[in-house]
């Protein structure tokens, strides 16, 4: 039986923890593929290398410096699923996007991660 969801923890390599809010999407493949139809009707595949990554929203916290996080050098991220026992390890990456904070709800959106490596354990 497959299990999904439950508690999830987002931790930077330095031990900083960000509170996840909402959905978490993992991009594990490191490649994007598309179909190409040739003039004779045959089909080919074209692939583009992509960074491994994640997308999620966070809860804003008084001690988070979003400017510093966006300017930080390469870092590692672990997203741990407590309920399922699965961990997603992302190596050598950075935040991409533009953080946007909803001051009514405290939700930070507009961010994802781009990483050179990914491992699921």
PDB file of N, CA and C in Angstrom:
ATOM      1  N   UNK A   1       0.845  -1.175   0.000  1.00  0.00           N
ATOM      2  CA  UNK A   1       0.000   0.000   0.000  1.00  0.00           C
ATOM      3  C   UNK A   1       0.893   1.241   0.000  1.00  0.00           C
ATOM      4  N   UNK A   2       0.627   2.134  -0.921  1.00  0.00           N
ATOM      5  CA  UNK A   2       1.392   3.384  -0.997  1.00  0.00           C
ATOM      6  C   UNK A   2       0.864   4.378   0.031  1.00  0.00           C
ATOM      7  N   UNK A   3       1.776   5.167   0.568  1.00  0.00           N
ATOM      8  CA  UNK A   3       1.402   6.202   1.542  1.00  0.00           C
ATOM      9  C   UNK A   3       1.955   7.537   1.061  1.00  0.00           C
ATOM     10  N   UNK A   4       1.158   8.592   1.233  1.00  0.00           N
ATOM     11  CA  UNK A   4       1.559   9.931   0.820  1.00  0.00           C
ATOM     12  C   UNK A   4       1.087  10.928   1.867  1.00  0.00           C
ATOM     13  N   UNK A   5       1.685  12.120   1.826  1.00  0.00           N
ATOM     14  CA  UNK A   5       1.220  13.199   2.690  1.00  0.00           C
ATOM     15  C   UNK A   5       1.779  13.119   4.098  1.00  0.00           C
ATOM     16  N   UNK A   6       1.064  13.709   5.026  1.00  0.00           N
ATOM     17  CA  UNK A   6       1.493  13.745   6.419  1.00  0.00           C
ATOM     18  C   UNK A   6       2.456  14.888   6.682  1.00  0.00           C
ATOM     19  N   UNK A   7       3.141  14.793   7.796  1.00  0.00           N
ATOM     20  CA  UNK A   7       4.082  15.843   8.204  1.00  0.00           C
ATOM     21  C   UNK A   7       5.308  15.848   7.293  1.00  0.00           C
ATOM     22  N   UNK A   8       5.735  17.051   6.910  1.00  0.00           N
ATOM     23  CA  UNK A   8       6.934  17.196   6.089  1.00  0.00           C
ATOM     24  C   UNK A   8       7.809  18.288   6.670  1.00  0.00           C
ATOM     25  N   UNK A   9       9.110  18.051   6.671  1.00  0.00           N
ATOM     26  CA  UNK A   9      10.081  18.996   7.225  1.00  0.00           C
ATOM     27  C   UNK A   9      11.063  19.412   6.140  1.00  0.00           C
ATOM     28  N   UNK A  10      11.350  20.714   6.074  1.00  0.00           N
ATOM     29  CA  UNK A  10      12.276  21.286   5.101  1.00  0.00           C
ATOM     30  C   UNK A  10      13.476  21.815   5.867  1.00  0.00           C
ATOM     31  N   UNK A  11      14.661  21.248   5.614  1.00  0.00           N
ATOM     32  CA  UNK A  11      15.856  21.624   6.356  1.00  0.00           C
ATOM     33  C   UNK A  11      16.984  21.976   5.400  1.00  0.00           C
ATOM     34  N   UNK A  12      17.611  23.130   5.624  1.00  0.00           N
ATOM     35  CA  UNK A  12      18.802  23.509   4.871  1.00  0.00           C
ATOM     36  C   UNK A  12      20.010  22.834   5.504  1.00  0.00           C
ATOM     37  N   UNK A  13      21.103  22.718   4.757  1.00  0.00           N
ATOM     38  CA  UNK A  13      22.290  22.004   5.233  1.00  0.00           C
ATOM     39  C   UNK A  13      22.831  22.563   6.538  1.00  0.00           C
ATOM     40  N   UNK A  14      22.665  23.868   6.783  1.00  0.00           N
ATOM     41  CA  UNK A  14      23.146  24.484   8.013  1.00  0.00           C
ATOM     42  C   UNK A  14      22.262  24.217   9.219  1.00  0.00           C
ATOM     43  N   UNK A  15      21.176  23.463   9.008  1.00  0.00           N
ATOM     44  CA  UNK A  15      20.270  23.132  10.101  1.00  0.00           C
ATOM     45  C   UNK A  15      19.063  24.044  10.201  1.00  0.00           C
ATOM     46  N   UNK A  16      19.013  25.101   9.380  1.00  0.00           N
ATOM     47  CA  UNK A  16      17.864  25.992   9.411  1.00  0.00           C
ATOM     48  C   UNK A  16      16.633  25.243   8.904  1.00  0.00           C
ATOM     49  N   UNK A  17      15.527  25.384   9.628  1.00  0.00           N
ATOM     50  CA  UNK A  17      14.288  24.719   9.252  1.00  0.00           C
ATOM     51  C   UNK A  17      13.278  25.760   8.789  1.00  0.00           C
ATOM     52  N   UNK A  18      12.664  25.501   7.646  1.00  0.00           N
ATOM     53  CA  UNK A  18      11.600  26.350   7.135  1.00  0.00           C
ATOM     54  C   UNK A  18      10.297  25.566   7.258  1.00  0.00           C
ATOM     55  N   UNK A  19       9.250  26.220   7.726  1.00  0.00           N
ATOM     56  CA  UNK A  19       7.958  25.555   7.875  1.00  0.00           C
ATOM     57  C   UNK A  19       7.250  25.527   6.535  1.00  0.00           C
ATOM     58  N   UNK A  20       6.948  24.320   6.069  1.00  0.00           N
ATOM     59  CA  UNK A  20       6.244  24.143   4.797  1.00  0.00           C
ATOM     60  C   UNK A  20       4.762  24.388   5.025  1.00  0.00           C
ATOM     61  N   UNK A  21       4.151  25.057   4.065  1.00  0.00           N
ATOM     62  CA  UNK A  21       2.703  25.246   4.083  1.00  0.00           C
ATOM     63  C   UNK A  21       2.174  24.844   2.716  1.00  0.00           C
ATOM     64  N   UNK A  22       1.151  24.044   2.683  1.00  0.00           N
ATOM     65  CA  UNK A  22       0.550  23.662   1.397  1.00  0.00           C
ATOM     66  C   UNK A  22       1.255  22.494   0.744  1.00  0.00           C
ATOM     67  N   UNK A  23       1.112  22.415  -0.560  1.00  0.00           N
ATOM     68  CA  UNK A  23       1.622  21.293  -1.328  1.00  0.00           C
ATOM     69  C   UNK A  23       3.134  21.350  -1.497  1.00  0.00           C
ATOM     70  N   UNK A  24       3.729  20.170  -1.643  1.00  0.00           N
ATOM     71  CA  UNK A  24       5.148  20.031  -1.968  1.00  0.00           C
ATOM     72  C   UNK A  24       5.226  19.225  -3.252  1.00  0.00           C
ATOM     73  N   UNK A  25       5.929  19.754  -4.240  1.00  0.00           N
ATOM     74  CA  UNK A  25       6.114  19.058  -5.501  1.00  0.00           C
ATOM     75  C   UNK A  25       7.602  18.802  -5.688  1.00  0.00           C
ATOM     76  N   UNK A  26       7.949  17.550  -5.965  1.00  0.00           N
ATOM     77  CA  UNK A  26       9.343  17.149  -6.182  1.00  0.00           C
ATOM     78  C   UNK A  26       9.559  16.961  -7.680  1.00  0.00           C
ATOM     79  N   UNK A  27      10.677  17.484  -8.185  1.00  0.00           N
ATOM     80  CA  UNK A  27      11.060  17.300  -9.585  1.00  0.00           C
ATOM     81  C   UNK A  27      12.332  16.442  -9.607  1.00  0.00           C
ATOM     82  N   UNK A  28      12.180  15.110  -9.643  1.00  0.00           N
ATOM     83  CA  UNK A  28      13.319  14.211  -9.443  1.00  0.00           C
ATOM     84  C   UNK A  28      14.133  13.854 -10.682  1.00  0.00           C
ATOM     85  N   UNK A  29      13.608  14.035 -11.885  1.00  0.00           N
ATOM     86  CA  UNK A  29      14.223  13.444 -13.073  1.00  0.00           C
ATOM     87  C   UNK A  29      15.476  14.150 -13.573  1.00  0.00           C
ATOM     88  N   UNK A  30      15.528  15.466 -13.508  1.00  0.00           N
ATOM     89  CA  UNK A  30      16.672  16.181 -14.065  1.00  0.00           C
ATOM     90  C   UNK A  30      16.639  16.242 -15.584  1.00  0.00           C
ATOM     91  N   UNK A  31      15.466  15.948 -16.154  1.00  0.00           N
ATOM     92  CA  UNK A  31      15.331  15.964 -17.610  1.00  0.00           C
ATOM     93  C   UNK A  31      13.873  16.237 -17.956  1.00  0.00           C
ATOM     94  N   UNK A  32      13.671  16.922 -19.062  1.00  0.00           N
ATOM     95  CA  UNK A  32      12.334  17.163 -19.598  1.00  0.00           C
ATOM     96  C   UNK A  32      12.333  16.633 -21.021  1.00  0.00           C
ATOM     97  N   UNK A  33      11.298  15.915 -21.400  1.00  0.00           N
ATOM     98  CA  UNK A  33      11.245  15.324 -22.732  1.00  0.00           C
ATOM     99  C   UNK A  33       9.983  15.763 -23.460  1.00  0.00           C
ATOM    100  N   UNK A  34      10.106  15.881 -24.766  1.00  0.00           N
ATOM    101  CA  UNK A  34       8.941  16.222 -25.578  1.00  0.00           C
ATOM    102  C   UNK A  34       8.963  15.390 -26.851  1.00  0.00           C
ATOM    103  N   UNK A  35       7.782  15.208 -27.418  1.00  0.00           N
ATOM    104  CA  UNK A  35       7.653  14.457 -28.659  1.00  0.00           C
ATOM    105  C   UNK A  35       7.803  15.385 -29.850  1.00  0.00           C
ATOM    106  N   UNK A  36       8.424  14.866 -30.894  1.00  0.00           N
ATOM    107  CA  UNK A  36       8.569  15.584 -32.157  1.00  0.00           C
ATOM    108  C   UNK A  36       8.009  14.675 -33.246  1.00  0.00           C
ATOM    109  N   UNK A  37       7.091  15.180 -34.025  1.00  0.00           N
ATOM    110  CA  UNK A  37       6.565  14.410 -35.152  1.00  0.00           C
ATOM    111  C   UNK A  37       7.319  14.818 -36.403  1.00  0.00           C
ATOM    112  N   UNK A  38       7.927  13.829 -37.041  1.00  0.00           N
ATOM    113  CA  UNK A  38       8.698  14.067 -38.251  1.00  0.00           C
ATOM    114  C   UNK A  38       7.768  14.169 -39.463  1.00  0.00           C
ATOM    115  N   UNK A  39       8.275  14.676 -40.565  1.00  0.00           N
ATOM    116  CA  UNK A  39       7.467  14.888 -41.773  1.00  0.00           C
ATOM    117  C   UNK A  39       6.971  13.585 -42.399  1.00  0.00           C
ATOM    118  N   UNK A  40       7.577  12.466 -42.061  1.00  0.00           N
ATOM    119  CA  UNK A  40       7.094  11.181 -42.581  1.00  0.00           C
ATOM    120  C   UNK A  40       6.123  10.504 -41.619  1.00  0.00           C
ATOM    121  N   UNK A  41       5.753  11.194 -40.545  1.00  0.00           N
ATOM    122  CA  UNK A  41       4.792  10.649 -39.588  1.00  0.00           C
ATOM    123  C   UNK A  41       5.415   9.886 -38.430  1.00  0.00           C
ATOM    124  N   UNK A  42       6.715   9.616 -38.492  1.00  0.00           N
ATOM    125  CA  UNK A  42       7.371   8.941 -37.369  1.00  0.00           C
ATOM    126  C   UNK A  42       7.525   9.924 -36.213  1.00  0.00           C
ATOM    127  N   UNK A  43       7.726   9.381 -35.037  1.00  0.00           N
ATOM    128  CA  UNK A  43       7.833  10.212 -33.843  1.00  0.00           C
ATOM    129  C   UNK A  43       9.214  10.041 -33.226  1.00  0.00           C
ATOM    130  N   UNK A  44       9.806  11.153 -32.842  1.00  0.00           N
ATOM    131  CA  UNK A  44      11.089  11.151 -32.147  1.00  0.00           C
ATOM    132  C   UNK A  44      10.918  11.837 -30.807  1.00  0.00           C
ATOM    133  N   UNK A  45      11.924  11.717 -29.978  1.00  0.00           N
ATOM    134  CA  UNK A  45      11.895  12.352 -28.663  1.00  0.00           C
ATOM    135  C   UNK A  45      13.072  13.307 -28.550  1.00  0.00           C
ATOM    136  N   UNK A  46      12.813  14.480 -28.006  1.00  0.00           N
ATOM    137  CA  UNK A  46      13.852  15.459 -27.731  1.00  0.00           C
ATOM    138  C   UNK A  46      13.898  15.688 -26.222  1.00  0.00           C
ATOM    139  N   UNK A  47      15.074  15.660 -25.650  1.00  0.00           N
ATOM    140  CA  UNK A  47      15.219  15.818 -24.204  1.00  0.00           C
ATOM    141  C   UNK A  47      16.071  17.046 -23.881  1.00  0.00           C
ATOM    142  N   UNK A  48      15.687  17.710 -22.802  1.00  0.00           N
ATOM    143  CA  UNK A  48      16.424  18.867 -22.310  1.00  0.00           C
ATOM    144  C   UNK A  48      16.811  18.605 -20.865  1.00  0.00           C
ATOM    145  N   UNK A  49      18.073  18.777 -20.549  1.00  0.00           N
ATOM    146  CA  UNK A  49      18.498  18.617 -19.166  1.00  0.00           C
ATOM    147  C   UNK A  49      17.909  19.738 -18.323  1.00  0.00           C
ATOM    148  N   UNK A  50      17.451  19.398 -17.137  1.00  0.00           N
ATOM    149  CA  UNK A  50      16.822  20.342 -16.220  1.00  0.00           C
ATOM    150  C   UNK A  50      17.440  20.143 -14.836  1.00  0.00           C
ATOM    151  N   UNK A  51      17.379  21.153 -13.982  1.00  0.00           N
ATOM    152  CA  UNK A  51      17.825  20.926 -12.613  1.00  0.00           C
ATOM    153  C   UNK A  51      16.822  20.047 -11.869  1.00  0.00           C
ATOM    154  N   UNK A  52      17.325  19.282 -10.929  1.00  0.00           N
ATOM    155  CA  UNK A  52      16.428  18.595  -9.998  1.00  0.00           C
ATOM    156  C   UNK A  52      15.841  19.690  -9.120  1.00  0.00           C
ATOM    157  N   UNK A  53      14.649  19.484  -8.611  1.00  0.00           N
ATOM    158  CA  UNK A  53      14.109  20.575  -7.813  1.00  0.00           C
ATOM    159  C   UNK A  53      12.875  20.242  -7.009  1.00  0.00           C
ATOM    160  N   UNK A  54      12.358  21.270  -6.399  1.00  0.00           N
ATOM    161  CA  UNK A  54      11.167  21.195  -5.560  1.00  0.00           C
ATOM    162  C   UNK A  54      10.412  22.508  -5.706  1.00  0.00           C
ATOM    163  N   UNK A  55       9.127  22.451  -5.413  1.00  0.00           N
ATOM    164  CA  UNK A  55       8.283  23.641  -5.340  1.00  0.00           C
ATOM    165  C   UNK A  55       7.431  23.501  -4.092  1.00  0.00           C
ATOM    166  N   UNK A  56       7.336  24.541  -3.314  1.00  0.00           N
ATOM    167  CA  UNK A  56       6.450  24.533  -2.150  1.00  0.00           C
ATOM    168  C   UNK A  56       6.263  25.949  -1.641  1.00  0.00           C
ATOM    169  N   UNK A  57       5.332  26.101  -0.737  1.00  0.00           N
ATOM    170  CA  UNK A  57       5.127  27.383  -0.074  1.00  0.00           C
ATOM    171  C   UNK A  57       5.574  27.226   1.374  1.00  0.00           C
ATOM    172  N   UNK A  58       5.933  28.334   1.986  1.00  0.00           N
ATOM    173  CA  UNK A  58       6.433  28.323   3.356  1.00  0.00           C
ATOM    174  C   UNK A  58       5.613  29.260   4.229  1.00  0.00           C
ATOM    175  N   UNK A  59       5.826  29.136   5.528  1.00  0.00           N
ATOM    176  CA  UNK A  59       5.277  30.100   6.471  1.00  0.00           C
ATOM    177  C   UNK A  59       6.380  31.108   6.791  1.00  0.00           C
ATOM    178  N   UNK A  60       6.029  32.387   6.748  1.00  0.00           N
ATOM    179  CA  UNK A  60       7.002  33.419   7.087  1.00  0.00           C
ATOM    180  C   UNK A  60       7.290  33.348   8.591  1.00  0.00           C
ATOM    181  N   UNK A  61       8.487  33.677   8.968  1.00  0.00           N
ATOM    182  CA  UNK A  61       8.877  33.691  10.384  1.00  0.00           C
ATOM    183  C   UNK A  61       9.727  34.925  10.641  1.00  0.00           C
ATOM    184  N   UNK A  62       9.647  35.438  11.847  1.00  0.00           N
ATOM    185  CA  UNK A  62      10.349  36.672  12.201  1.00  0.00           C
ATOM    186  C   UNK A  62      11.858  36.564  11.978  1.00  0.00           C
ATOM    187  N   UNK A  63      12.431  35.370  12.153  1.00  0.00           N
ATOM    188  CA  UNK A  63      13.884  35.225  12.041  1.00  0.00           C
ATOM    189  C   UNK A  63      14.356  34.858  10.633  1.00  0.00           C
ATOM    190  N   UNK A  64      13.449  34.763   9.654  1.00  0.00           N
ATOM    191  CA  UNK A  64      13.863  34.435   8.292  1.00  0.00           C
ATOM    192  C   UNK A  64      14.235  35.697   7.526  1.00  0.00           C
ATOM    193  N   UNK A  65      15.416  35.674   6.928  1.00  0.00           N
ATOM    194  CA  UNK A  65      15.878  36.777   6.099  1.00  0.00           C
ATOM    195  C   UNK A  65      15.823  36.294   4.648  1.00  0.00           C
ATOM    196  N   UNK A  66      14.718  36.580   3.981  1.00  0.00           N
ATOM    197  CA  UNK A  66      14.523  36.085   2.626  1.00  0.00           C
ATOM    198  C   UNK A  66      15.567  36.656   1.663  1.00  0.00           C
ATOM    199  N   UNK A  67      16.000  37.874   1.873  1.00  0.00           N
ATOM    200  CA  UNK A  67      17.042  38.465   1.042  1.00  0.00           C
ATOM    201  C   UNK A  67      18.332  37.641   1.149  1.00  0.00           C
ATOM    202  N   UNK A  68      18.709  37.282   2.356  1.00  0.00           N
ATOM    203  CA  UNK A  68      19.931  36.486   2.558  1.00  0.00           C
ATOM    204  C   UNK A  68      19.783  35.090   1.954  1.00  0.00           C
ATOM    205  N   UNK A  69      18.602  34.481   2.109  1.00  0.00           N
ATOM    206  CA  UNK A  69      18.393  33.142   1.539  1.00  0.00           C
ATOM    207  C   UNK A  69      18.499  33.174   0.016  1.00  0.00           C
ATOM    208  N   UNK A  70      17.949  34.203  -0.597  1.00  0.00           N
ATOM    209  CA  UNK A  70      17.997  34.304  -2.060  1.00  0.00           C
ATOM    210  C   UNK A  70      19.418  34.573  -2.562  1.00  0.00           C
ATOM    211  N   UNK A  71      20.238  35.239  -1.752  1.00  0.00           N
ATOM    212  CA  UNK A  71      21.606  35.578  -2.156  1.00  0.00           C
ATOM    213  C   UNK A  71      22.633  34.523  -1.739  1.00  0.00           C
ATOM    214  N   UNK A  72      22.199  33.546  -0.974  1.00  0.00           N
ATOM    215  CA  UNK A  72      23.125  32.528  -0.454  1.00  0.00           C
ATOM    216  C   UNK A  72      23.766  31.734  -1.587  1.00  0.00           C
ATOM    217  N   UNK A  73      24.949  31.249  -1.331  1.00  0.00           N
ATOM    218  CA  UNK A  73      25.618  30.374  -2.283  1.00  0.00           C
ATOM    219  C   UNK A  73      24.921  29.023  -2.327  1.00  0.00           C
ATOM    220  N   UNK A  74      25.517  28.092  -3.019  1.00  0.00           N
ATOM    221  CA  UNK A  74      24.936  26.758  -3.168  1.00  0.00           C
ATOM    222  C   UNK A  74      24.725  26.106  -1.800  1.00  0.00           C
ATOM    223  N   UNK A  75      23.619  25.401  -1.672  1.00  0.00           N
ATOM    224  CA  UNK A  75      23.309  24.726  -0.416  1.00  0.00           C
ATOM    225  C   UNK A  75      22.581  23.420  -0.688  1.00  0.00           C
ATOM    226  N   UNK A  76      22.514  22.583   0.335  1.00  0.00           N
ATOM    227  CA  UNK A  76      21.792  21.322   0.272  1.00  0.00           C
ATOM    228  C   UNK A  76      20.454  21.481   0.987  1.00  0.00           C
ATOM    229  N   UNK A  77      19.461  20.727   0.557  1.00  0.00           N
ATOM    230  CA  UNK A  77      18.131  20.732   1.167  1.00  0.00           C
ATOM    231  C   UNK A  77      17.696  19.297   1.413  1.00  0.00           C
ATOM    232  N   UNK A  78      17.070  19.068   2.556  1.00  0.00           N
ATOM    233  CA  UNK A  78      16.417  17.791   2.830  1.00  0.00           C
ATOM    234  C   UNK A  78      14.942  18.059   3.082  1.00  0.00           C
ATOM    235  N   UNK A  79      14.101  17.356   2.361  1.00  0.00           N
ATOM    236  CA  UNK A  79      12.666  17.382   2.632  1.00  0.00           C
ATOM    237  C   UNK A  79      12.324  15.992   3.142  1.00  0.00           C
ATOM    238  N   UNK A  80      11.947  15.928   4.401  1.00  0.00           N
ATOM    239  CA  UNK A  80      11.661  14.644   5.050  1.00  0.00           C
ATOM    240  C   UNK A  80      10.164  14.487   5.260  1.00  0.00           C
ATOM    241  N   UNK A  81       9.652  13.346   4.827  1.00  0.00           N
ATOM    242  CA  UNK A  81       8.248  13.006   5.028  1.00  0.00           C
ATOM    243  C   UNK A  81       8.165  12.094   6.252  1.00  0.00           C
ATOM    244  N   UNK A  82       7.786  12.640   7.390  1.00  0.00           N
ATOM    245  CA  UNK A  82       7.726  11.841   8.614  1.00  0.00           C
ATOM    246  C   UNK A  82       6.719  10.705   8.508  1.00  0.00           C
ATOM    247  N   UNK A  83       5.570  10.962   7.928  1.00  0.00           N
ATOM    248  CA  UNK A  83       4.493   9.975   7.846  1.00  0.00           C
ATOM    249  C   UNK A  83       4.896   8.772   6.997  1.00  0.00           C
ATOM    250  N   UNK A  84       5.591   9.026   5.883  1.00  0.00           N
ATOM    251  CA  UNK A  84       5.941   7.947   4.962  1.00  0.00           C
ATOM    252  C   UNK A  84       7.333   7.380   5.206  1.00  0.00           C
ATOM    253  N   UNK A  85       8.177   8.114   5.932  1.00  0.00           N
ATOM    254  CA  UNK A  85       9.544   7.672   6.162  1.00  0.00           C
ATOM    255  C   UNK A  85      10.476   7.937   4.991  1.00  0.00           C
ATOM    256  N   UNK A  86      10.047   8.734   4.022  1.00  0.00           N
ATOM    257  CA  UNK A  86      10.846   9.036   2.834  1.00  0.00           C
ATOM    258  C   UNK A  86      11.575  10.362   3.027  1.00  0.00           C
ATOM    259  N   UNK A  87      12.831  10.418   2.582  1.00  0.00           N
ATOM    260  CA  UNK A  87      13.588  11.672   2.573  1.00  0.00           C
ATOM    261  C   UNK A  87      14.019  11.993   1.156  1.00  0.00           C
ATOM    262  N   UNK A  88      13.960  13.270   0.810  1.00  0.00           N
ATOM    263  CA  UNK A  88      14.396  13.765  -0.491  1.00  0.00           C
ATOM    264  C   UNK A  88      15.615  14.640  -0.245  1.00  0.00           C
ATOM    265  N   UNK A  89      16.759  14.223  -0.792  1.00  0.00           N
ATOM    266  CA  UNK A  89      18.019  14.926  -0.580  1.00  0.00           C
ATOM    267  C   UNK A  89      18.432  15.647  -1.856  1.00  0.00           C
ATOM    268  N   UNK A  90      18.538  16.960  -1.769  1.00  0.00           N
ATOM    269  CA  UNK A  90      18.921  17.785  -2.913  1.00  0.00           C
ATOM    270  C   UNK A  90      20.288  18.381  -2.629  1.00  0.00           C
ATOM    271  N   UNK A  91      21.240  18.184  -3.552  1.00  0.00           N
ATOM    272  CA  UNK A  91      22.589  18.691  -3.356  1.00  0.00           C
ATOM    273  C   UNK A  91      22.900  19.875  -4.245  1.00  0.00           C
ATOM    274  N   UNK A  92      23.759  20.746  -3.763  1.00  0.00           N
ATOM    275  CA  UNK A  92      24.317  21.875  -4.486  1.00  0.00           C
ATOM    276  C   UNK A  92      23.285  22.623  -5.327  1.00  0.00           C
ATOM    277  N   UNK A  93      22.500  23.446  -4.657  1.00  0.00           N
ATOM    278  CA  UNK A  93      21.467  24.192  -5.362  1.00  0.00           C
ATOM    279  C   UNK A  93      21.195  25.545  -4.749  1.00  0.00           C
ATOM    280  N   UNK A  94      20.130  26.165  -5.198  1.00  0.00           N
ATOM    281  CA  UNK A  94      19.784  27.504  -4.740  1.00  0.00           C
ATOM    282  C   UNK A  94      18.300  27.746  -4.930  1.00  0.00           C
ATOM    283  N   UNK A  95      17.791  28.792  -4.272  1.00  0.00           N
ATOM    284  CA  UNK A  95      16.408  29.216  -4.453  1.00  0.00           C
ATOM    285  C   UNK A  95      16.268  29.907  -5.801  1.00  0.00           C
ATOM    286  N   UNK A  96      15.139  29.702  -6.467  1.00  0.00           N
ATOM    287  CA  UNK A  96      14.810  30.442  -7.677  1.00  0.00           C
ATOM    288  C   UNK A  96      13.404  31.019  -7.519  1.00  0.00           C
ATOM    289  N   UNK A  97      13.141  32.082  -8.240  1.00  0.00           N
ATOM    290  CA  UNK A  97      11.841  32.732  -8.153  1.00  0.00           C
ATOM    291  C   UNK A  97      11.938  34.029  -7.373  1.00  0.00           C
ATOM    292  N   UNK A  98      10.793  34.515  -6.957  1.00  0.00           N
ATOM    293  CA  UNK A  98      10.719  35.754  -6.198  1.00  0.00           C
ATOM    294  C   UNK A  98       9.799  35.535  -5.000  1.00  0.00           C
ATOM    295  N   UNK A  99      10.336  35.605  -3.781  1.00  0.00           N
ATOM    296  CA  UNK A  99       9.474  35.390  -2.619  1.00  0.00           C
ATOM    297  C   UNK A  99       8.409  36.473  -2.516  1.00  0.00           C
ATOM    298  N   UNK A 100       7.198  36.036  -2.283  1.00  0.00           N
ATOM    299  CA  UNK A 100       6.067  36.944  -2.124  1.00  0.00           C
ATOM    300  C   UNK A 100       5.340  36.543  -0.847  1.00  0.00           C
ATOM    301  N   UNK A 101       5.178  37.483   0.088  1.00  0.00           N
ATOM    302  CA  UNK A 101       4.615  37.167   1.401  1.00  0.00           C
ATOM    303  C   UNK A 101       3.216  37.751   1.525  1.00  0.00           C
ATOM    304  N   UNK A 102       2.253  36.876   1.772  1.00  0.00           N
ATOM    305  CA  UNK A 102       0.880  37.292   2.042  1.00  0.00           C
ATOM    306  C   UNK A 102       0.811  37.642   3.524  1.00  0.00           C
ATOM    307  N   UNK A 103       0.689  38.922   3.844  1.00  0.00           N
ATOM    308  CA  UNK A 103       0.728  39.346   5.247  1.00  0.00           C
ATOM    309  C   UNK A 103      -0.548  38.990   6.006  1.00  0.00           C
ATOM    310  N   UNK A 104      -1.624  38.641   5.317  1.00  0.00           N
ATOM    311  CA  UNK A 104      -2.831  38.198   6.006  1.00  0.00           C
ATOM    312  C   UNK A 104      -2.677  36.777   6.534  1.00  0.00           C
ATOM    313  N   UNK A 105      -2.032  35.919   5.725  1.00  0.00           N
ATOM    314  CA  UNK A 105      -1.901  34.509   6.100  1.00  0.00           C
ATOM    315  C   UNK A 105      -0.492  34.114   6.519  1.00  0.00           C
ATOM    316  N   UNK A 106       0.514  34.945   6.183  1.00  0.00           N
ATOM    317  CA  UNK A 106       1.899  34.602   6.485  1.00  0.00           C
ATOM    318  C   UNK A 106       2.504  33.613   5.500  1.00  0.00           C
ATOM    319  N   UNK A 107       1.794  33.339   4.399  1.00  0.00           N
ATOM    320  CA  UNK A 107       2.301  32.373   3.428  1.00  0.00           C
ATOM    321  C   UNK A 107       3.297  33.028   2.481  1.00  0.00           C
ATOM    322  N   UNK A 108       4.429  32.345   2.275  1.00  0.00           N
ATOM    323  CA  UNK A 108       5.458  32.793   1.338  1.00  0.00           C
ATOM    324  C   UNK A 108       5.367  31.895   0.107  1.00  0.00           C
ATOM    325  N   UNK A 109       5.101  32.513  -1.031  1.00  0.00           N
ATOM    326  CA  UNK A 109       4.974  31.760  -2.277  1.00  0.00           C
ATOM    327  C   UNK A 109       5.970  32.288  -3.300  1.00  0.00           C
ATOM    328  N   UNK A 110       5.989  31.666  -4.476  1.00  0.00           N
ATOM    329  CA  UNK A 110       6.843  32.132  -5.561  1.00  0.00           C
ATOM    330  C   UNK A 110       8.239  31.548  -5.572  1.00  0.00           C
ATOM    331  N   UNK A 111       8.498  30.529  -4.741  1.00  0.00           N
ATOM    332  CA  UNK A 111       9.848  29.966  -4.652  1.00  0.00           C
ATOM    333  C   UNK A 111       9.894  28.503  -5.072  1.00  0.00           C
ATOM    334  N   UNK A 112      11.011  28.139  -5.622  1.00  0.00           N
ATOM    335  CA  UNK A 112      11.316  26.743  -5.893  1.00  0.00           C
ATOM    336  C   UNK A 112      12.820  26.582  -5.734  1.00  0.00           C
ATOM    337  N   UNK A 113      13.298  25.367  -5.882  1.00  0.00           N
ATOM    338  CA  UNK A 113      14.723  25.106  -5.764  1.00  0.00           C
ATOM    339  C   UNK A 113      15.253  24.471  -7.031  1.00  0.00           C
ATOM    340  N   UNK A 114      16.493  24.791  -7.387  1.00  0.00           N
ATOM    341  CA  UNK A 114      17.190  24.202  -8.524  1.00  0.00           C
ATOM    342  C   UNK A 114      18.478  23.593  -7.988  1.00  0.00           C
ATOM    343  N   UNK A 115      18.652  22.285  -8.186  1.00  0.00           N
ATOM    344  CA  UNK A 115      19.783  21.559  -7.596  1.00  0.00           C
ATOM    345  C   UNK A 115      20.467  20.672  -8.633  1.00  0.00           C
ATOM    346  N   UNK A 116      21.756  20.433  -8.412  1.00  0.00           N
ATOM    347  CA  UNK A 116      22.524  19.571  -9.329  1.00  0.00           C
ATOM    348  C   UNK A 116      22.263  18.097  -9.099  1.00  0.00           C
ATOM    349  N   UNK A 117      21.877  17.727  -7.883  1.00  0.00           N
ATOM    350  CA  UNK A 117      21.683  16.293  -7.629  1.00  0.00           C
ATOM    351  C   UNK A 117      20.440  16.072  -6.762  1.00  0.00           C
ATOM    352  N   UNK A 118      19.917  14.853  -6.867  1.00  0.00           N
ATOM    353  CA  UNK A 118      18.735  14.446  -6.091  1.00  0.00           C
ATOM    354  C   UNK A 118      18.855  12.962  -5.754  1.00  0.00           C
ATOM    355  N   UNK A 119      18.444  12.639  -4.536  1.00  0.00           N
ATOM    356  CA  UNK A 119      18.399  11.244  -4.115  1.00  0.00           C
ATOM    357  C   UNK A 119      17.215  11.058  -3.202  1.00  0.00           C
ATOM    358  N   UNK A 120      16.468  10.003  -3.428  1.00  0.00           N
ATOM    359  CA  UNK A 120      15.319   9.659  -2.576  1.00  0.00           C
ATOM    360  C   UNK A 120      15.692   8.433  -1.762  1.00  0.00           C
ATOM    361  N   UNK A 121      15.564   8.562  -0.434  1.00  0.00           N
ATOM    362  CA  UNK A 121      15.886   7.411   0.414  1.00  0.00           C
ATOM    363  C   UNK A 121      14.734   7.136   1.376  1.00  0.00           C
TER     364      UNK A 121
END
